[in-house]
Amino acid sequence: MNRQGRDVLITIFFFTGMMLFLVKCGSYSFSGSTIPAHIKTVAVPLFEDETAEIGIDQSLTDGLVDAITQDNTLKIAGPRGGDSILKGTILRVEERAGQYDESETASDFRVTLTVKIVFEDVQKRKILWEETFRHWGSYDNSETTRDDGIQEATEKIITDVVNRMVSGW
């Protein structure tokens, strides 16, 4: 095969490859969101709390409302007015020693928060996803408190939930 024929063949292969690439990737959305198009708002009622802890339900609910507002993919709706609803139940708060010092005394603690989340399409009466999130935060009782550990775990859960809502399908 001469050089001109080989150049034509390379050009054909190149354009064929580009066409296949465009056909395969043409329908892909780069918007980052995979929420159904009809869902524009989300209601976030106060989370249920199956633990003996006080205030985590309010902190988690408020944190999610703030994070969803900052993300700006969905607008926050009233308790009964959203296209979707994000419901949560705090299942467990567990505490364990994380590290021990040389005298075998706990010097660092971990508090683990387990939360079940359900994201539901209200219009179509369909659960979009349901997942249990589990994260921990640490504290040492000298510079940080148990509340700091709970707050750290709460922030991790909030981040994961918002990411799952807007892009984790």
Protein backbone atom coordinates (compact mmCIF):
# COMPACT_ATOMS: atom_id res chain seq x y z
CA MET A 1 0.00 0.00 0.00
CA ASN A 2 1.32 3.39 -0.91
CA ARG A 3 1.59 6.35 1.42
CA GLN A 4 -1.47 8.14 0.07
CA GLY A 5 -3.67 5.04 0.56
CA ARG A 6 -2.37 4.60 4.08
CA ASP A 7 -3.14 8.26 4.92
CA VAL A 8 -6.70 7.84 3.63
CA LEU A 9 -7.13 4.69 5.73
CA ILE A 10 -5.84 6.45 8.87
CA THR A 11 -8.20 9.36 8.22
CA ILE A 12 -11.17 6.99 7.86
CA PHE A 13 -10.26 5.19 11.10
CA PHE A 14 -9.86 8.51 12.90
CA PHE A 15 -13.25 9.83 11.81
CA THR A 16 -14.93 6.50 12.53
CA GLY A 17 -13.46 6.55 16.03
CA MET A 18 -14.60 10.13 16.57
CA MET A 19 -18.12 9.28 15.40
CA LEU A 20 -18.28 6.31 17.79
CA PHE A 21 -17.03 8.51 20.62
CA LEU A 22 -19.64 11.18 19.93
CA VAL A 23 -22.45 8.63 19.68
CA LYS A 24 -21.43 7.00 22.98
CA CYS A 25 -20.83 10.24 24.89
CA GLY A 26 -23.33 12.51 23.17
CA SER A 27 -26.13 11.77 25.61
CA TYR A 28 -23.96 12.21 28.70
CA SER A 29 -24.78 15.22 30.83
CA PHE A 30 -21.97 17.23 32.35
CA SER A 31 -24.30 19.10 34.67
CA GLY A 32 -23.39 16.80 37.56
CA SER A 33 -27.00 16.29 38.55
CA THR A 34 -29.01 13.16 38.01
CA ILE A 35 -32.14 14.24 39.83
CA PRO A 36 -35.24 13.65 37.69
CA ALA A 37 -36.10 16.79 35.72
CA HIS A 38 -39.50 17.32 37.35
CA ILE A 39 -37.98 17.57 40.84
CA LYS A 40 -37.15 21.18 41.65
CA THR A 41 -37.87 21.32 45.40
CA VAL A 42 -37.29 19.18 48.47
CA ALA A 43 -38.97 19.15 51.85
CA VAL A 44 -36.78 18.23 54.82
CA PRO A 45 -38.91 17.46 57.89
CA LEU A 46 -37.31 17.14 61.32
CA PHE A 47 -35.47 13.82 61.50
CA GLU A 48 -36.75 11.11 63.80
CA ASP A 49 -34.45 10.16 66.65
CA GLU A 50 -34.40 6.62 68.00
CA THR A 51 -31.59 7.43 70.42
CA ALA A 52 -31.49 9.00 73.86
CA GLU A 53 -29.44 11.91 72.51
CA ILE A 54 -30.84 15.42 72.60
CA GLY A 55 -30.47 17.88 69.74
CA ILE A 56 -28.84 15.71 67.07
CA ASP A 57 -32.11 15.51 65.13
CA GLN A 58 -32.39 19.29 64.93
CA SER A 59 -28.69 19.76 64.17
CA LEU A 60 -28.75 17.20 61.36
CA THR A 61 -31.98 18.56 59.85
CA ASP A 62 -30.79 22.18 59.99
CA GLY A 63 -27.38 21.22 58.58
CA LEU A 64 -28.98 19.42 55.64
CA VAL A 65 -31.28 22.35 54.90
CA ASP A 66 -28.26 24.69 54.91
CA ALA A 67 -26.17 22.36 52.72
CA ILE A 68 -28.99 21.84 50.19
CA THR A 69 -29.52 25.60 50.06
CA GLN A 70 -25.80 26.21 49.46
CA ASP A 71 -25.64 23.46 46.80
CA ASN A 72 -28.50 25.24 44.96
CA THR A 73 -29.51 22.22 42.87
CA LEU A 74 -32.86 22.01 44.68
CA LYS A 75 -34.87 24.62 46.50
CA ILE A 76 -36.14 23.97 50.03
CA ALA A 77 -39.91 23.59 50.27
CA GLY A 78 -42.29 23.57 53.20
CA PRO A 79 -43.02 20.29 54.96
CA ARG A 80 -45.82 19.34 52.56
CA GLY A 81 -45.01 21.35 49.47
CA GLY A 82 -41.97 19.75 47.84
CA ASP A 83 -41.62 17.75 44.66
CA SER A 84 -39.50 15.44 46.79
CA ILE A 85 -38.96 14.74 50.45
CA LEU A 86 -35.82 13.81 52.37
CA LYS A 87 -36.67 11.86 55.52
CA GLY A 88 -34.21 10.63 58.07
CA THR A 89 -34.02 8.53 61.20
CA ILE A 90 -31.11 8.65 63.62
CA LEU A 91 -30.63 4.98 64.47
CA ARG A 92 -27.59 4.92 66.76
CA VAL A 93 -24.97 6.97 68.52
CA GLU A 94 -22.05 4.81 69.65
CA GLU A 95 -19.00 5.83 71.59
CA ARG A 96 -15.68 4.00 71.83
CA ALA A 97 -12.18 4.71 72.90
CA GLY A 98 -10.04 5.47 69.87
CA GLN A 99 -6.55 5.60 71.36
CA TYR A 100 -4.93 4.79 74.65
CA ASP A 101 -1.94 6.46 76.28
CA GLU A 102 1.01 4.70 77.91
CA SER A 103 -0.93 4.17 81.15
CA GLU A 104 -3.71 2.43 79.16
CA THR A 105 -6.13 5.27 79.73
CA ALA A 106 -8.30 6.32 76.83
CA SER A 107 -6.89 9.53 75.39
CA ASP A 108 -9.05 9.85 72.31
CA PHE A 109 -12.65 8.84 71.70
CA ARG A 110 -14.77 8.18 68.64
CA VAL A 111 -18.47 8.81 68.49
CA THR A 112 -20.21 7.09 65.57
CA LEU A 113 -23.52 8.29 64.19
CA THR A 114 -25.76 5.98 62.11
CA VAL A 115 -28.60 7.56 60.14
CA LYS A 116 -31.11 6.05 57.72
CA ILE A 117 -32.11 8.41 54.89
CA VAL A 118 -34.98 8.03 52.41
CA PHE A 119 -35.20 10.34 49.37
CA GLU A 120 -38.65 10.16 47.84
CA ASP A 121 -40.28 11.51 44.68
CA VAL A 122 -43.59 12.89 46.00
CA GLN A 123 -45.15 13.48 42.58
CA LYS A 124 -44.59 9.92 41.36
CA ARG A 125 -44.92 8.39 44.84
CA LYS A 126 -41.66 6.54 44.41
CA ILE A 127 -38.59 6.09 46.61
CA LEU A 128 -35.62 7.39 44.65
CA TRP A 129 -33.10 5.90 47.07
CA GLU A 130 -32.77 4.70 50.61
CA GLU A 131 -29.45 4.37 52.38
CA THR A 132 -27.90 4.10 55.83
CA PHE A 133 -25.00 6.47 56.47
CA ARG A 134 -22.47 5.85 59.23
CA HIS A 135 -19.69 8.27 60.16
CA TRP A 136 -17.57 9.04 63.19
CA GLY A 137 -16.06 12.07 64.78
CA SER A 138 -13.30 12.18 67.36
CA TYR A 139 -12.70 14.12 70.55
CA ASP A 140 -10.16 14.01 73.37
CA ASN A 141 -11.95 15.62 76.35
CA SER A 142 -9.20 18.21 76.72
CA GLU A 143 -9.31 20.40 73.62
CA THR A 144 -12.47 18.94 72.11
CA THR A 145 -15.70 17.61 73.57
CA ARG A 146 -18.15 14.84 72.77
CA ASP A 147 -20.37 17.45 71.10
CA ASP A 148 -17.46 18.31 68.79
CA GLY A 149 -17.18 14.64 67.82
CA ILE A 150 -20.91 14.43 67.15
CA GLN A 151 -20.72 17.61 65.07
CA GLU A 152 -17.84 16.18 63.02
CA ALA A 153 -19.81 12.97 62.33
CA THR A 154 -22.91 15.03 61.48
CA GLU A 155 -20.99 17.16 58.97
CA LYS A 156 -19.63 14.05 57.22
CA ILE A 157 -23.13 12.59 56.94
CA ILE A 158 -24.52 15.88 55.60
CA THR A 159 -21.83 15.99 52.90
CA ASP A 160 -22.51 12.39 51.86
CA VAL A 161 -26.28 12.85 51.78
CA VAL A 162 -26.16 16.00 49.64
CA ASN A 163 -23.67 14.35 47.26
CA ARG A 164 -25.90 11.29 47.02
CA MET A 165 -28.95 13.48 46.34
CA VAL A 166 -27.47 15.48 43.50
CA SER A 167 -25.00 13.15 41.81
CA GLY A 168 -24.70 9.72 43.38
CA TRP A 169 -27.25 7.71 41.44
